Protein backbone atom coordinates (compact mmCIF):
# COMPACT_ATOMS: atom_id res chain seq x y z
CA MET A 1 -0.49 18.13 2.58
CA ASN A 2 2.07 15.34 2.62
CA ALA A 3 5.16 16.50 4.46
CA PRO A 4 8.21 16.45 2.12
CA ARG A 5 11.12 14.22 3.05
CA SER A 6 14.76 15.19 3.03
CA GLU A 7 15.84 11.69 1.92
CA TYR A 8 14.12 8.85 0.07
CA GLY A 9 14.82 5.14 0.21
CA PRO A 10 14.22 2.90 -2.85
CA VAL A 11 10.75 1.72 -1.82
CA VAL A 12 9.53 5.23 -1.00
CA LEU A 13 11.03 6.63 -4.22
CA ALA A 14 9.37 3.86 -6.25
CA ASN A 15 6.05 4.84 -4.67
CA GLU A 16 6.66 8.51 -5.41
CA LEU A 17 7.25 7.61 -9.07
CA GLU A 18 4.15 5.38 -9.00
CA LEU A 19 6.18 2.37 -10.10
CA THR A 20 6.26 -1.20 -8.90
CA TYR A 21 9.60 -2.10 -7.37
CA ARG A 22 10.40 -4.30 -10.39
CA LEU A 23 9.81 -1.39 -12.78
CA PHE A 24 11.76 0.93 -10.48
CA GLU A 25 14.77 -1.40 -10.68
CA ARG A 26 14.40 -1.47 -14.47
CA ALA A 27 14.28 2.34 -14.54
CA LYS A 28 17.54 2.44 -12.58
CA HIS A 29 19.10 -0.06 -14.99
CA LEU A 30 18.10 2.10 -17.96
CA GLY A 31 19.48 5.25 -16.35
CA LEU A 32 16.02 6.81 -16.03
CA VAL A 33 16.65 7.05 -12.29
CA PRO A 34 20.15 8.15 -11.27
CA PRO A 35 22.23 6.31 -8.65
CA PRO A 36 21.62 7.28 -5.01
CA ASP A 37 23.36 10.48 -4.00
CA VAL A 38 23.03 9.98 -0.23
CA GLU A 39 25.13 7.10 1.06
CA GLU A 40 24.48 3.93 -0.97
CA ARG A 41 20.70 3.48 -0.93
CA ARG A 42 19.05 6.88 -0.58
CA TRP A 43 18.26 9.87 -2.77
CA SER A 44 18.09 13.52 -1.72
CA ARG A 45 15.01 15.68 -2.20
CA ALA A 46 16.96 17.75 -4.76
CA VAL A 47 17.26 14.66 -6.96
CA VAL A 48 13.77 13.28 -6.29
CA GLU A 49 11.71 16.38 -7.06
CA PRO A 50 12.77 16.60 -10.75
CA LEU A 51 12.21 12.85 -11.09
CA VAL A 52 8.66 13.16 -9.76
CA GLU A 53 7.97 15.91 -12.30
CA ARG A 54 9.13 13.47 -15.02
CA ARG A 55 6.91 10.57 -13.87
CA GLU A 56 4.99 10.36 -17.15
CA GLU A 57 8.16 10.60 -19.22
CA ILE A 58 9.76 7.78 -17.20
CA GLY A 59 6.61 5.67 -17.56
CA ALA A 60 6.57 6.17 -21.34
CA ALA A 61 10.24 5.18 -21.58
CA LEU A 62 9.57 2.03 -19.56
CA ALA A 63 6.63 1.14 -21.80
CA ALA A 64 8.81 1.56 -24.90
CA ASP A 65 11.51 -0.57 -23.29
CA ALA A 66 8.98 -3.30 -22.50
CA ALA A 67 7.76 -3.29 -26.10
CA GLU A 68 11.32 -3.53 -27.40
CA ARG A 69 12.11 -6.44 -25.09
CA ALA A 70 8.89 -8.17 -26.11
CA ALA A 71 9.87 -7.90 -29.76
CA LYS A 72 13.33 -9.27 -29.02
CA LEU A 73 11.86 -12.14 -26.99
CA ALA A 74 9.54 -13.00 -29.85
CA GLN A 75 12.46 -12.96 -32.26
CA ASP A 76 14.65 -15.05 -29.96
CA THR A 77 11.91 -17.62 -29.36
CA ALA A 78 10.36 -17.68 -32.81
CA ARG A 79 9.83 -21.43 -32.87
CA GLU A 80 6.78 -22.22 -34.93
CA ARG A 81 3.74 -23.33 -32.94
CA GLU A 82 0.20 -24.15 -33.88
CA ALA A 83 -1.12 -22.51 -30.70
CA TYR A 84 0.20 -20.60 -27.70
CA GLY A 85 -0.81 -21.10 -24.08
CA LEU A 86 -1.33 -18.27 -21.63
CA GLU A 87 2.16 -18.16 -20.12
CA VAL A 88 3.96 -18.46 -23.46
CA LEU A 89 1.80 -15.75 -25.02
CA ARG A 90 2.27 -13.52 -21.98
CA ARG A 91 6.06 -13.81 -22.18
CA ARG A 92 6.11 -13.24 -25.92
CA LEU A 93 4.12 -10.04 -25.47
CA GLY A 94 6.51 -8.86 -22.71
CA LEU A 95 3.78 -8.55 -20.07
CA VAL A 96 3.79 -9.42 -16.39
CA ARG A 97 0.83 -11.53 -15.29
CA ARG A 98 -1.15 -8.64 -13.83
CA GLN A 99 -0.71 -6.62 -17.04
CA PHE A 100 -1.77 -9.62 -19.11
CA ASP A 101 -4.89 -10.13 -16.99
CA GLU A 102 -5.76 -6.44 -17.24
CA ALA A 103 -5.26 -6.47 -21.01
CA ARG A 104 -7.70 -9.39 -21.26
CA ASP A 105 -10.23 -7.68 -18.99
CA ARG A 106 -10.07 -4.55 -21.11
CA GLY A 107 -10.40 -6.44 -24.38
CA LEU A 108 -6.90 -5.57 -25.55
CA ILE A 109 -6.22 -9.31 -25.77
CA PRO A 110 -9.14 -11.39 -27.05
CA GLU A 111 -10.17 -14.73 -25.61
CA PRO A 112 -8.38 -17.86 -26.86
CA ASP A 113 -9.57 -18.93 -30.30
CA THR A 114 -8.77 -22.65 -30.15
CA GLU A 115 -10.56 -25.51 -28.46
CA GLY A 116 -7.62 -26.06 -26.11
CA ARG A 117 -8.02 -22.57 -24.54
CA ALA A 118 -4.94 -21.36 -26.38
CA TRP A 119 -4.31 -18.63 -28.92
CA SER A 120 -3.73 -19.65 -32.51
CA ALA A 121 -0.49 -18.81 -34.31
CA ALA A 122 -2.33 -16.29 -36.49
CA LEU A 123 -3.81 -14.48 -33.47
CA GLU A 124 -0.48 -14.60 -31.62
CA ALA A 125 1.23 -12.94 -34.60
CA GLU A 126 -1.44 -10.24 -34.67
CA LEU A 127 -1.09 -9.56 -30.94
CA ARG A 128 2.69 -9.53 -31.13
CA ALA A 129 2.49 -6.91 -33.88
CA ARG A 130 0.35 -4.82 -31.54
CA ALA A 131 2.48 -5.43 -28.41
CA ALA A 132 3.72 -1.82 -28.24
CA GLU A 133 0.17 -0.53 -28.64
CA ILE A 134 -1.11 -2.84 -25.87
CA ILE A 135 1.66 -1.84 -23.46
CA ALA A 136 1.12 1.85 -24.19
CA ALA A 137 -2.61 1.45 -23.51
CA LEU A 138 -1.88 -0.22 -20.18
CA GLY A 139 0.67 2.40 -19.17
CA ALA A 140 3.89 1.77 -17.29
CA VAL A 141 1.91 0.67 -14.24
CA PRO A 142 -1.29 -1.37 -14.63
CA ARG A 143 -4.33 -1.20 -12.39
CA VAL A 144 -3.39 -0.63 -8.78
CA GLY A 145 -4.71 -1.64 -5.39
CA ALA A 146 -5.95 0.68 -2.65
CA GLY A 147 -2.45 1.46 -1.34
CA LYS A 148 -1.02 2.55 -4.70
CA ALA A 149 -4.30 4.27 -5.58
CA ALA A 150 -3.94 6.37 -2.43
CA LEU A 151 -0.47 7.48 -3.57
CA VAL A 152 -1.76 8.43 -7.03
CA ILE A 153 -4.69 10.44 -5.65
CA GLY A 154 -2.44 11.98 -3.00
CA HIS A 155 0.02 13.18 -5.65
CA ALA A 156 -2.82 14.68 -7.69
CA THR A 157 -4.55 16.46 -4.79
CA GLY A 158 -1.73 17.14 -2.34
CA LEU A 159 -3.81 15.51 0.40
CA PRO A 160 -2.64 12.74 2.81
CA VAL A 161 -4.81 10.06 1.17
CA THR A 162 -4.73 6.54 2.66
CA ALA A 163 -5.93 3.13 1.52
CA GLU A 164 -8.85 3.54 3.94
CA ASP A 165 -9.91 6.70 2.09
CA VAL A 166 -9.80 4.85 -1.23
CA ARG A 167 -12.00 2.09 0.15
CA ARG A 168 -14.51 4.65 1.47
CA LEU A 169 -14.58 6.43 -1.89
CA ALA A 170 -15.28 3.08 -3.55
CA GLU A 171 -18.00 2.19 -1.03
CA ALA A 172 -19.65 5.54 -1.72
CA GLY A 173 -19.68 4.80 -5.45
CA ILE A 174 -17.42 7.76 -6.21
CA LEU A 175 -14.56 5.52 -7.33
CA GLN A 176 -15.26 2.50 -9.50
CA ALA A 177 -13.09 -0.62 -9.33
CA SER A 178 -11.79 -1.84 -12.67
CA GLY A 179 -11.09 -5.41 -11.60
CA GLU A 180 -9.50 -7.36 -8.80
CA PHE A 181 -6.21 -8.98 -7.88
CA ARG A 182 -6.12 -11.87 -5.40
CA GLY A 183 -9.59 -10.98 -4.22
CA HIS A 184 -8.88 -7.26 -3.73
CA PRO A 185 -10.32 -4.52 -5.97
CA THR A 186 -8.00 -2.69 -8.35
CA TYR A 187 -8.40 0.71 -9.96
CA SER A 188 -7.42 2.09 -13.35
CA ARG A 189 -5.41 5.25 -13.86
CA GLU A 190 -8.35 6.72 -15.78
CA SER A 191 -10.74 6.28 -12.84
CA LEU A 192 -8.19 7.72 -10.40
CA ALA A 193 -7.55 10.73 -12.63
CA ALA A 194 -11.30 11.40 -12.77
CA MET A 195 -11.67 11.63 -8.99
CA PRO A 196 -13.27 14.96 -7.94
CA ASP A 197 -10.97 16.83 -5.56
CA ALA A 198 -13.89 17.94 -3.39
CA ALA A 199 -14.98 14.35 -2.73
CA VAL A 200 -11.43 13.30 -1.86
CA GLU A 201 -11.01 16.26 0.49
CA GLU A 202 -14.30 15.48 2.23
CA VAL A 203 -13.33 11.85 2.86
CA VAL A 204 -9.81 12.73 4.04
CA THR A 205 -11.08 15.52 6.29
CA ASP A 206 -13.69 13.22 7.83
CA ARG A 207 -11.05 10.56 8.55
CA LEU A 208 -8.71 13.09 10.12
CA ARG A 209 -11.51 14.45 12.30
CA ARG A 210 -12.46 10.95 13.39
CA GLY A 211 -8.82 10.20 14.08
CA GLU A 212 -8.51 13.29 16.23
CA ALA A 213 -11.70 12.41 18.13
CA GLU A 214 -10.51 8.83 18.67
CA ALA A 215 -7.10 10.03 19.85
CA GLU A 216 -8.73 12.48 22.24
CA ALA A 217 -11.05 9.76 23.58
CA ALA A 218 -8.08 7.42 24.04
CA ALA A 219 -6.13 10.12 25.85
CA GLU A 220 -9.10 10.82 28.13
CA ALA A 221 -9.51 7.09 28.83
CA LEU A 222 -5.84 6.90 29.74
CA ARG A 223 -6.11 9.91 32.04
CA GLN A 224 -9.14 8.30 33.71
CA ARG A 225 -7.33 5.00 34.09
CA LEU A 226 -4.29 6.66 35.66
CA ALA A 227 -6.54 8.58 38.06
CA GLU A 228 -8.42 5.45 39.12
CA SER A 229 -5.47 3.08 39.39
CA LEU A 230 -2.07 2.68 40.99
CA SER A 231 1.19 1.24 39.73
CA ALA A 232 2.65 -1.77 41.55
CA GLU A 233 5.08 0.53 43.38
CA GLU A 234 2.29 2.93 44.36
CA ALA A 235 0.02 0.09 45.50
CA ALA A 236 2.78 -1.44 47.65
CA GLU A 237 3.51 1.95 49.21
CA GLU A 238 -0.18 2.61 49.92
CA LEU A 239 -0.52 -0.80 51.62
CA GLY A 240 2.81 -0.59 53.41
CA TRP A 241 3.85 -3.87 51.83
CA SER A 242 6.99 -5.07 50.14
CA ALA A 243 6.91 -5.71 46.41
CA ARG A 244 7.23 -9.45 47.13
CA ARG A 245 4.19 -9.50 49.42
CA LEU A 246 2.15 -7.52 46.90
CA GLN A 247 3.03 -10.04 44.20
CA ALA A 248 2.20 -13.01 46.46
CA VAL A 249 -1.20 -11.59 47.43
CA THR A 250 -1.94 -10.81 43.78
CA GLU A 251 -1.05 -14.36 42.69
CA LYS A 252 -3.40 -15.77 45.36
CA GLY A 253 -6.25 -13.60 44.09
CA GLY A 254 -6.24 -11.13 46.94
CA LEU A 255 -5.76 -8.26 44.52
CA THR A 256 -6.46 -7.86 40.81
CA ARG A 257 -3.76 -6.55 38.53
CA GLY A 258 -4.89 -5.19 35.17
CA VAL A 259 -3.34 -6.11 31.83
CA ASP A 260 -1.47 -2.81 31.98
CA GLY A 261 0.12 -3.88 35.27
CA ARG A 262 -1.87 -1.41 37.36
CA TYR A 263 -4.19 -1.95 40.34
CA ALA A 264 -7.62 -0.41 40.83
CA ARG A 265 -7.24 2.37 43.41
CA ALA A 266 -10.59 1.57 45.07
CA GLU A 267 -9.64 -2.10 45.56
CA VAL A 268 -6.24 -1.22 47.02
CA MET A 269 -7.83 1.28 49.41
CA ALA A 270 -10.42 -1.29 50.49
CA VAL A 271 -7.66 -3.86 51.26
CA ALA A 272 -5.70 -1.19 53.13
CA ALA A 273 -8.74 -0.25 55.21
CA ALA A 274 -9.37 -3.88 56.14
CA ASP A 275 -5.75 -4.55 57.14
CA PRO A 276 -5.72 -4.86 60.95
CA TRP A 277 -1.98 -4.19 61.07
CA ARG A 278 -2.25 -0.72 59.65
């Protein structure tokens, strides 16, 4: 289980609400998220828990707000055109670029219908009339990458899901990517909601076990290294040398100092045994 926090900063709270930071700031502006109640930039758990329970309600309100702003933008920029390019159409529909790309991938926005790879005025008018429907279909947050997907699955299952777990679920064919963003796979809310809890638990448990085994192996390697090596102070004491002499001999290649600053015990003992002045 994810350990609850006592306080939440803006980035963490945005993640808890499954919002991009831009949408989180908009939610604050609309009063959907109250001002911080701990100092100036943090929220208490007492405030956050009810907000998390209202995630879907906040998302729906943001979608409605986006549709309203899109309609206003279309009204404010209603200059007649014969065709609309990608960026102009995107702005008139009130979509960010990733939402626009997802809407095209999902067939919510058809391909351009003019020779110049633009959308005709008739098609633009039709899409603008359906802007609220398109935004609602996309949801408040469009497809997400592995990091955000891990948060969504973690909230649903109560397990400490990581981006690595999401990638392993995808590699196993349990989770299907819905597209990509800057070369990285993205996942739809529908595919994340359909994830079987048992599969998620198996992947998370396996990672935790591997992590424990790796940590144990690292701890054993460290114990072994400490047993087989000496610090600079210990090496100087064993040889009966000053720290300056130890450094000088090391710089001349008479002794080897590891990257961790320690000396092999066997090498120090061999040098000590061969020292005629001992």
